[in-house]
Structures are given as structure tokens and as C-alpha cells.
C-alpha atoms as a PDB file:
ATOM      1  CA  MET A   1      11.527 165.107  87.196  1.00  0.00           C
ATOM      2  CA  ILE A   2      10.641 162.965  89.558  1.00  0.00           C
ATOM      3  CA  ASP A   3       7.679 163.067  92.315  1.00  0.00           C
ATOM      4  CA  MET A   4       9.273 160.956  94.708  1.00  0.00           C
ATOM      5  CA  HIS A   5       6.290 160.244  96.643  1.00  0.00           C
ATOM      6  CA  CYS A   6       2.617 160.223  95.166  1.00  0.00           C
ATOM      7  CA  HIS A   7      -0.401 158.160  96.221  1.00  0.00           C
ATOM      8  CA  LEU A   8      -1.451 157.584  92.440  1.00  0.00           C
ATOM      9  CA  ASP A   9      -3.583 154.855  93.573  1.00  0.00           C
ATOM     10  CA  ARG A  10      -5.808 157.522  95.568  1.00  0.00           C
ATOM     11  CA  TYR A  11      -6.669 159.804  92.913  1.00  0.00           C
ATOM     12  CA  PRO A  12     -10.218 158.960  91.379  1.00  0.00           C
ATOM     13  CA  ASN A  13      -8.722 158.620  88.356  1.00  0.00           C
ATOM     14  CA  PRO A  14      -5.000 157.125  88.281  1.00  0.00           C
ATOM     15  CA  LYS A  15      -4.661 156.980  84.648  1.00  0.00           C
ATOM     16  CA  PHE A  16      -5.494 160.815  83.655  1.00  0.00           C
ATOM     17  CA  VAL A  17      -3.263 161.740  86.515  1.00  0.00           C
ATOM     18  CA  ALA A  18      -0.314 159.462  85.092  1.00  0.00           C
ATOM     19  CA  GLY A  19      -1.066 160.813  81.825  1.00  0.00           C
ATOM     20  CA  LYS A  20      -0.777 164.208  82.601  1.00  0.00           C
ATOM     21  CA  ALA A  21       1.766 163.719  84.205  1.00  0.00           C
ATOM     22  CA  LYS A  22       3.878 162.142  81.708  1.00  0.00           C
ATOM     23  CA  ARG A  23       3.317 165.202  79.249  1.00  0.00           C
ATOM     24  CA  ALA A  24       4.795 167.527  81.753  1.00  0.00           C
ATOM     25  CA  GLY A  25       7.492 164.905  81.389  1.00  0.00           C
ATOM     26  CA  VAL A  26       7.165 163.750  85.500  1.00  0.00           C
ATOM     27  CA  THR A  27       8.137 160.035  86.240  1.00  0.00           C
ATOM     28  CA  ILE A  28       5.607 159.310  89.367  1.00  0.00           C
ATOM     29  CA  VAL A  29       6.780 156.679  92.243  1.00  0.00           C
ATOM     30  CA  ALA A  30       3.713 155.620  92.972  1.00  0.00           C
ATOM     31  CA  VAL A  31       3.997 155.090  96.699  1.00  0.00           C
ATOM     32  CA  THR A  32       1.112 152.345  98.112  1.00  0.00           C
ATOM     33  CA  ASN A  33      -0.064 151.995 101.871  1.00  0.00           C
ATOM     34  CA  LEU A  34      -0.447 148.083 101.980  1.00  0.00           C
ATOM     35  CA  PRO A  35       1.219 145.466  99.571  1.00  0.00           C
ATOM     36  CA  SER A  36      -2.463 143.732  98.906  1.00  0.00           C
ATOM     37  CA  HIS A  37      -2.861 147.363  96.950  1.00  0.00           C
ATOM     38  CA  PHE A  38       0.597 147.288  95.617  1.00  0.00           C
ATOM     39  CA  ARG A  39      -0.530 143.980  93.992  1.00  0.00           C
ATOM     40  CA  ASP A  40      -4.235 145.147  92.596  1.00  0.00           C
ATOM     41  CA  GLY A  41      -2.324 148.047  90.890  1.00  0.00           C
ATOM     42  CA  LEU A  42       0.783 145.642  89.319  1.00  0.00           C
ATOM     43  CA  VAL A  43      -1.398 145.352  86.045  1.00  0.00           C
ATOM     44  CA  HIS A  44      -2.687 148.946  85.460  1.00  0.00           C
ATOM     45  CA  ALA A  45       1.038 150.100  86.693  1.00  0.00           C
ATOM     46  CA  SER A  46       2.761 147.971  83.956  1.00  0.00           C
ATOM     47  CA  GLN A  47       0.857 149.827  81.399  1.00  0.00           C
ATOM     48  CA  LEU A  48       2.007 153.572  82.353  1.00  0.00           C
ATOM     49  CA  PRO A  49       5.410 154.384  81.563  1.00  0.00           C
ATOM     50  CA  ASN A  50       6.633 157.331  83.865  1.00  0.00           C
ATOM     51  CA  VAL A  51       5.057 154.959  86.991  1.00  0.00           C
ATOM     52  CA  ARG A  52       7.224 153.290  89.099  1.00  0.00           C
ATOM     53  CA  LEU A  53       4.770 151.103  91.668  1.00  0.00           C
ATOM     54  CA  SER A  54       7.060 151.426  95.470  1.00  0.00           C
ATOM     55  CA  LEU A  55       5.573 148.563  97.657  1.00  0.00           C
ATOM     56  CA  GLY A  56       4.356 150.031 100.977  1.00  0.00           C
ATOM     57  CA  LEU A  57       3.317 149.275 104.166  1.00  0.00           C
ATOM     58  CA  HIS A  58       2.253 151.873 106.222  1.00  0.00           C
ATOM     59  CA  PRO A  59       2.950 152.751 109.850  1.00  0.00           C
ATOM     60  CA  LEU A  60      -0.373 154.261 110.826  1.00  0.00           C
ATOM     61  CA  LEU A  61      -2.315 151.057 109.267  1.00  0.00           C
ATOM     62  CA  ALA A  62      -0.102 148.470 111.894  1.00  0.00           C
ATOM     63  CA  PRO A  63      -0.793 146.278 113.274  1.00  0.00           C
ATOM     64  CA  HIS A  64      -0.455 144.683 109.922  1.00  0.00           C
ATOM     65  CA  PRO A  65      -2.367 141.292 109.007  1.00  0.00           C
ATOM     66  CA  ASP A  66      -0.305 138.339 108.116  1.00  0.00           C
ATOM     67  CA  MET A  67      -1.557 137.948 104.750  1.00  0.00           C
ATOM     68  CA  GLU A  68      -0.354 141.508 104.386  1.00  0.00           C
ATOM     69  CA  CYS A  69       3.514 140.864 105.760  1.00  0.00           C
ATOM     70  CA  ARG A  70       3.370 137.582 103.558  1.00  0.00           C
ATOM     71  CA  LEU A  71       2.239 139.465 100.306  1.00  0.00           C
ATOM     72  CA  PHE A  72       5.046 141.516 101.336  1.00  0.00           C
ATOM     73  CA  SER A  73       7.903 139.099 101.371  1.00  0.00           C
ATOM     74  CA  ASP A  74       6.359 137.445  97.892  1.00  0.00           C
ATOM     75  CA  LEU A  75       5.785 140.887  96.369  1.00  0.00           C
ATOM     76  CA  LEU A  76       9.530 142.423  97.232  1.00  0.00           C
ATOM     77  CA  SER A  77      11.477 140.770  94.002  1.00  0.00           C
ATOM     78  CA  LYS A  78       8.486 142.985  91.705  1.00  0.00           C
ATOM     79  CA  THR A  79      10.071 146.674  92.286  1.00  0.00           C
ATOM     80  CA  SER A  80      13.479 148.621  93.028  1.00  0.00           C
ATOM     81  CA  TYR A  81      10.834 150.800  95.495  1.00  0.00           C
ATOM     82  CA  VAL A  82       9.839 150.590  98.571  1.00  0.00           C
ATOM     83  CA  GLY A  83       7.276 152.699 100.434  1.00  0.00           C
ATOM     84  CA  GLU A  84       5.402 154.259 102.162  1.00  0.00           C
ATOM     85  CA  ILE A  85       6.940 152.580 105.828  1.00  0.00           C
ATOM     86  CA  GLY A  86       8.114 154.165 108.655  1.00  0.00           C
ATOM     87  CA  LEU A  87       7.649 155.544 112.008  1.00  0.00           C
ATOM     88  CA  ASP A  88       4.404 157.731 113.099  1.00  0.00           C
ATOM     89  CA  PHE A  89       4.275 158.394 116.808  1.00  0.00           C
ATOM     90  CA  GLY A  90       1.984 161.515 116.395  1.00  0.00           C
ATOM     91  CA  GLU A  91      -1.982 161.625 117.626  1.00  0.00           C
ATOM     92  CA  ASP A  92      -2.848 159.169 115.240  1.00  0.00           C
ATOM     93  CA  GLY A  93      -0.127 156.645 115.903  1.00  0.00           C
ATOM     94  CA  SER A  94       0.642 157.001 119.503  1.00  0.00           C
ATOM     95  CA  ALA A  95      -1.466 153.745 120.338  1.00  0.00           C
ATOM     96  CA  THR A  96       0.806 151.374 118.122  1.00  0.00           C
ATOM     97  CA  ARG A  97       4.126 152.487 118.674  1.00  0.00           C
ATOM     98  CA  GLU A  98       4.937 148.985 119.500  1.00  0.00           C
ATOM     99  CA  ALA A  99       3.033 146.826 116.361  1.00  0.00           C
ATOM    100  CA  GLN A 100       4.705 149.779 113.837  1.00  0.00           C
ATOM    101  CA  MET A 101       7.859 149.008 115.476  1.00  0.00           C
ATOM    102  CA  ALA A 102       7.909 145.780 114.602  1.00  0.00           C
ATOM    103  CA  SER A 103       6.217 146.151 111.385  1.00  0.00           C
ATOM    104  CA  PHE A 104       8.941 148.520 110.467  1.00  0.00           C
ATOM    105  CA  ARG A 105      11.787 145.649 111.976  1.00  0.00           C
ATOM    106  CA  PHE A 106       9.678 143.626 109.652  1.00  0.00           C
ATOM    107  CA  VAL A 107      10.521 145.447 106.458  1.00  0.00           C
ATOM    108  CA  LEU A 108      13.781 146.653 107.375  1.00  0.00           C
ATOM    109  CA  LYS A 109      14.948 143.091 107.489  1.00  0.00           C
ATOM    110  CA  GLU A 110      13.314 142.146 104.316  1.00  0.00           C
ATOM    111  CA  ILE A 111      15.156 144.963 102.358  1.00  0.00           C
ATOM    112  CA  GLN A 112      18.462 144.298 103.672  1.00  0.00           C
ATOM    113  CA  LYS A 113      21.170 144.250 100.980  1.00  0.00           C
ATOM    114  CA  THR A 114      18.400 144.823  98.056  1.00  0.00           C
ATOM    115  CA  GLY A 115      19.439 148.252  97.541  1.00  0.00           C
ATOM    116  CA  LYS A 116      16.018 149.193  97.457  1.00  0.00           C
ATOM    117  CA  VAL A 117      14.710 152.677  96.351  1.00  0.00           C
ATOM    118  CA  LEU A 118      12.979 153.893 100.230  1.00  0.00           C
ATOM    119  CA  SER A 119      10.183 156.620 100.946  1.00  0.00           C
ATOM    120  CA  ILE A 120      10.241 156.879 104.713  1.00  0.00           C
ATOM    121  CA  HIS A 121       7.280 158.332 106.585  1.00  0.00           C
ATOM    122  CA  SER A 122       8.603 159.568 110.454  1.00  0.00           C
ATOM    123  CA  ARG A 123       6.335 161.547 111.848  1.00  0.00           C
ATOM    124  CA  LYS A 124       7.078 162.615 115.618  1.00  0.00           C
ATOM    125  CA  ALA A 125       9.489 159.325 115.551  1.00  0.00           C
ATOM    126  CA  GLU A 126      12.197 160.982 113.485  1.00  0.00           C
ATOM    127  CA  HIS A 127      15.194 160.067 116.290  1.00  0.00           C
ATOM    128  CA  LYS A 128      13.377 156.512 116.405  1.00  0.00           C
ATOM    129  CA  THR A 129      13.178 156.041 113.100  1.00  0.00           C
ATOM    130  CA  MET A 130      16.813 156.637 112.532  1.00  0.00           C
ATOM    131  CA  ASP A 131      17.909 154.371 115.058  1.00  0.00           C
ATOM    132  CA  LEU A 132      16.393 151.974 113.069  1.00  0.00           C
ATOM    133  CA  LEU A 133      17.842 152.618 109.960  1.00  0.00           C
ATOM    134  CA  ASP A 134      21.044 152.307 111.535  1.00  0.00           C
ATOM    135  CA  GLU A 135      20.414 149.101 113.440  1.00  0.00           C
ATOM    136  CA  TYR A 136      19.808 147.747 110.416  1.00  0.00           C
ATOM    137  CA  ASN A 137      22.498 149.850 108.189  1.00  0.00           C
ATOM    138  CA  VAL A 138      20.581 151.090 105.737  1.00  0.00           C
ATOM    139  CA  ARG A 139      21.586 154.196 103.909  1.00  0.00           C
ATOM    140  CA  GLY A 140      20.602 156.572 101.008  1.00  0.00           C
ATOM    141  CA  ALA A 141      16.864 156.464 102.070  1.00  0.00           C
ATOM    142  CA  THR A 142      14.487 159.560 101.577  1.00  0.00           C
ATOM    143  CA  PHE A 143      12.483 160.487 104.200  1.00  0.00           C
ATOM    144  CA  HIS A 144       9.049 161.949 102.706  1.00  0.00           C
ATOM    145  CA  TRP A 145       7.639 165.491 104.255  1.00  0.00           C
ATOM    146  CA  PHE A 146       9.504 165.831 107.381  1.00  0.00           C
ATOM    147  CA  THR A 147       8.722 167.890 110.425  1.00  0.00           C
ATOM    148  CA  GLY A 148      11.208 166.845 112.996  1.00  0.00           C
ATOM    149  CA  ASP A 149      13.615 168.991 114.715  1.00  0.00           C
ATOM    150  CA  ASN A 150      16.976 170.337 113.521  1.00  0.00           C
ATOM    151  CA  SER A 151      19.246 167.948 115.619  1.00  0.00           C
ATOM    152  CA  ALA A 152      17.308 164.970 113.770  1.00  0.00           C
ATOM    153  CA  LEU A 153      17.884 166.819 111.019  1.00  0.00           C
ATOM    154  CA  ALA A 154      21.253 166.536 111.028  1.00  0.00           C
ATOM    155  CA  ARG A 155      20.932 162.831 111.974  1.00  0.00           C
ATOM    156  CA  VAL A 156      19.166 162.461 108.527  1.00  0.00           C
ATOM    157  CA  VAL A 157      22.237 164.173 106.671  1.00  0.00           C
ATOM    158  CA  GLU A 158      25.015 163.286 108.468  1.00  0.00           C
ATOM    159  CA  HIS A 159      24.124 159.114 107.832  1.00  0.00           C
ATOM    160  CA  GLY A 160      23.459 159.544 104.310  1.00  0.00           C
ATOM    161  CA  HIS A 161      19.640 160.218 103.386  1.00  0.00           C
ATOM    162  CA  TYR A 162      17.616 162.311 101.310  1.00  0.00           C
ATOM    163  CA  LEU A 163      14.519 164.468 102.076  1.00  0.00           C
ATOM    164  CA  SER A 164      11.701 165.073  99.371  1.00  0.00           C
ATOM    165  CA  VAL A 165      10.337 168.304  99.605  1.00  0.00           C
ATOM    166  CA  ASN A 166       6.338 169.248  98.424  1.00  0.00           C
ATOM    167  CA  PRO A 167       4.309 172.465  97.554  1.00  0.00           C
ATOM    168  CA  ALA A 168       2.550 172.510 100.927  1.00  0.00           C
ATOM    169  CA  MET A 169       6.319 172.735 102.790  1.00  0.00           C
ATOM    170  CA  PHE A 170       6.518 176.193 101.602  1.00  0.00           C
ATOM    171  CA  ARG A 171       3.287 177.542 103.503  1.00  0.00           C
ATOM    172  CA  SER A 172       4.627 177.590 107.224  1.00  0.00           C
ATOM    173  CA  ASP A 173       7.606 178.739 108.921  1.00  0.00           C
ATOM    174  CA  ARG A 174       8.945 176.066 110.561  1.00  0.00           C
ATOM    175  CA  ALA A 175       8.444 173.660 107.046  1.00  0.00           C
ATOM    176  CA  ARG A 176      10.480 176.676 105.313  1.00  0.00           C
ATOM    177  CA  SER A 177      13.030 176.672 108.146  1.00  0.00           C
ATOM    178  CA  ILE A 178      13.782 172.938 107.297  1.00  0.00           C
ATOM    179  CA  ILE A 179      14.330 173.346 103.710  1.00  0.00           C
ATOM    180  CA  SER A 180      16.674 176.063 104.440  1.00  0.00           C
ATOM    181  CA  GLY A 181      18.850 173.682 106.252  1.00  0.00           C
ATOM    182  CA  ILE A 182      18.850 170.774 103.997  1.00  0.00           C
ATOM    183  CA  PRO A 183      21.788 170.878 101.809  1.00  0.00           C
ATOM    184  CA  ARG A 184      20.959 171.233  98.504  1.00  0.00           C
ATOM    185  CA  GLU A 185      22.785 167.989  97.414  1.00  0.00           C
ATOM    186  CA  ARG A 186      20.146 165.961  99.664  1.00  0.00           C
ATOM    187  CA  VAL A 187      16.643 167.737  98.292  1.00  0.00           C
ATOM    188  CA  LEU A 188      14.536 165.633  96.169  1.00  0.00           C
ATOM    189  CA  PHE A 189      11.056 166.581  94.626  1.00  0.00           C
ATOM    190  CA  GLU A 190       7.682 164.980  96.019  1.00  0.00           C
ATOM    191  CA  THR A 191       4.045 165.676  95.289  1.00  0.00           C
ATOM    192  CA  ASP A 192       2.014 163.288  98.370  1.00  0.00           C
ATOM    193  CA  GLY A 193      -0.750 163.723  96.137  1.00  0.00           C
ATOM    194  CA  PRO A 194      -3.786 163.402  96.320  1.00  0.00           C
ATOM    195  CA  TYR A 195      -3.257 164.572 100.263  1.00  0.00           C
ATOM    196  CA  CYS A 196      -1.511 167.699  99.735  1.00  0.00           C
ATOM    197  CA  LYS A 197      -3.383 170.769  99.114  1.00  0.00           C
ATOM    198  CA  VAL A 198      -2.611 174.311  98.030  1.00  0.00           C
ATOM    199  CA  ALA A 199      -5.024 177.004  98.410  1.00  0.00           C
ATOM    200  CA  LYS A 200      -7.848 174.079  98.947  1.00  0.00           C
ATOM    201  CA  SER A 201      -6.627 172.374  95.482  1.00  0.00           C
ATOM    202  CA  THR A 202      -5.375 169.339  95.290  1.00  0.00           C
ATOM    203  CA  VAL A 203      -1.962 168.486  94.173  1.00  0.00           C
ATOM    204  CA  GLY A 204      -1.082 166.546  91.597  1.00  0.00           C
ATOM    205  CA  PRO A 205       2.701 165.254  90.154  1.00  0.00           C
ATOM    206  CA  TRP A 206       2.924 168.450  87.473  1.00  0.00           C
ATOM    207  CA  ASP A 207       3.271 170.245  90.834  1.00  0.00           C
ATOM    208  CA  VAL A 208       6.697 169.134  91.423  1.00  0.00           C
ATOM    209  CA  ARG A 209       7.714 172.014  89.015  1.00  0.00           C
ATOM    210  CA  GLY A 210       6.701 174.486  91.299  1.00  0.00           C
ATOM    211  CA  VAL A 211       8.707 173.462  94.092  1.00  0.00           C
ATOM    212  CA  ALA A 212      11.256 174.078  91.759  1.00  0.00           C
ATOM    213  CA  VAL A 213      10.015 177.624  91.257  1.00  0.00           C
ATOM    214  CA  GLN A 214      10.101 177.763  95.520  1.00  0.00           C
ATOM    215  CA  LEU A 215      13.738 176.120  95.768  1.00  0.00           C
ATOM    216  CA  THR A 216      14.732 178.829  93.380  1.00  0.00           C
ATOM    217  CA  ARG A 217      14.174 181.642  96.570  1.00  0.00           C
ATOM    218  CA  PHE A 218      15.778 179.592  98.662  1.00  0.00           C
ATOM    219  CA  TRP A 219      19.046 178.707  96.409  1.00  0.00           C
ATOM    220  CA  ARG A 220      19.152 181.903  94.633  1.00  0.00           C
ATOM    221  CA  CYS A 221      19.510 180.216  91.551  1.00  0.00           C
ATOM    222  CA  THR A 222      17.421 179.714  87.919  1.00  0.00           C
ATOM    223  CA  VAL A 223      14.646 177.040  87.887  1.00  0.00           C
ATOM    224  CA  GLU A 224      17.212 174.908  85.164  1.00  0.00           C
ATOM    225  CA  GLU A 225      19.775 174.939  87.808  1.00  0.00           C
ATOM    226  CA  VAL A 226      17.084 173.784  90.638  1.00  0.00           C
ATOM    227  CA  THR A 227      16.172 171.034  88.319  1.00  0.00           C
ATOM    228  CA  LEU A 228      19.520 170.133  86.920  1.00  0.00           C
ATOM    229  CA  GLN A 229      20.959 169.567  91.073  1.00  0.00           C
ATOM    230  CA  VAL A 230      17.610 167.298  91.747  1.00  0.00           C
ATOM    231  CA  GLY A 231      18.272 165.155  88.928  1.00  0.00           C
ATOM    232  CA  GLN A 232      21.820 164.509  90.224  1.00  0.00           C
ATOM    233  CA  ASN A 233      20.852 163.959  93.764  1.00  0.00           C
ATOM    234  CA  PHE A 234      18.524 161.127  92.728  1.00  0.00           C
ATOM    235  CA  ARG A 235      20.998 159.570  90.757  1.00  0.00           C
ATOM    236  CA  ARG A 236      23.469 160.223  93.688  1.00  0.00           C
ATOM    237  CA  MET A 237      20.835 158.520  95.678  1.00  0.00           C
ATOM    238  CA  LEU A 238      20.462 155.418  93.754  1.00  0.00           C
ATOM    239  CA  THR A 239      24.131 154.754  93.562  1.00  0.00           C
ATOM    240  CA  ASP A 240      24.448 155.533  97.810  1.00  0.00           C
ATOM    241  CA  ARG A 241      21.608 152.781  98.372  1.00  0.00           C
ATOM    242  CA  LYS A 242      23.442 150.238  96.429  1.00  0.00           C
ATOM    243  CA  SER A 243      26.475 150.819  98.059  1.00  0.00           C
ATOM    244  CA  SER A 244      24.668 150.382 101.719  1.00  0.00           C
END
């Protein structure tokens, strides 16, 4: 099982979390917020066999210093995974829209034709995020913790992207409605740990198994069938992003 979006470096003891996930049979895509965070974690991640370190440039940290952008370019060849990237036009990001779009354009230009695995942040900016992905002909990206409307969800699916689902998304009617609207062949697992909490408890990568259990109620099938389907989705996503 694969946790497509986890901030492993934000846990107090990342090595312990990675070890517990390994014993649970979970591989972690460890997203980062800045290239300097990715750089600092490279040696540590290389010693953790179930961790794939992801190069990030988080929208809520825009405008990004030139040093971080240079680092992004320099480090891009060291990973197949890029994230967390994207746009956030919510309350926290409304004042930096233009800087965010400049940073996102920079990332999309850098990754063109590289076939990287992408984890996309799109809160309150789903359509603009899609506009830019289309502009740079990106397919097979994964939208993390999607909260957009039905028209945005339809665009994401129609344009060949995936959506990762975490434990907290099953707690609200709106999020459950979004999950029910995602074709099962486009669903992936995530936790967004340690930022995701359920019943005041911090979620860990091993909690993707709880996501699988929740999905059985939507898909009316067994946990084994959910796990098989999502595994197939991940492999298809790898093919889709290579062909984009």
C-alpha cells in the first residue's frame, strides 16, 4: 500500500514513523514544502527503503526565494516525485495569488517531459490549477485532499488526473460526496500526516488501511478488492504520467 502524500519530515521522529509504516507494509511518498527541506532529508530518506522523497515548492510559502528555485532545478534529477506543489487561493493564500502562479509556472516548466509523479495542492484554486496543468500538457497528476466543486472534479477526471483520499475526508458530508463522485479507477491513498487528525489523534502512514476500509462502504466490496484496485490505479498513473 502506498501513502501518496505524507509530510514525514514534520513528525517528531520520522525514522520511527517510517519503520512502523514499513512493518505495516506501507510505502511513503514523503512530500516536502521546500527544496531545502528535500536537500536536508536526502541522506536520511536514502536509508529508509519504504520512503520516496518528493521535491516540493508549497504554494503557501510563495513568493519563494531565488535560492529555493535554484535548488529545485538542481535537485530535480534526484527524484521521480515532485510535491507538494500547486495553488492555494483560500484565506491564507489569497494575498499571494500572483506569486503562487509564478512559482507554479516555474515548476511546471521545469518538469515538462520529465514524467515526474506529482502531488498537487489546489484549495480554492481548482480551475486555475487545471488551467495551468493543461497549459503545460501535464497528465497523470494526483490531486491531494481535493475540496473543489463538481465541475472542477469533472475536469480533473476528464483530463486524466488522479485524486488521493485521506482518513479525514470521510468525516464531512461534502467530502464524502466528493469521494463518491471519483471513479474508483482514479482513487489513490494518502494520509497528509501529521496534519491530518481523526478524533484528535494524529494520523500515520499506516492509516491508509483505514481509508481502504472506508472505501469498502462506497464501493460495496472487500478491503482486499479496494487494495487491489488502488494498487492498479497507482501503476496506471505511472504509465499515464510517462506518456504525458
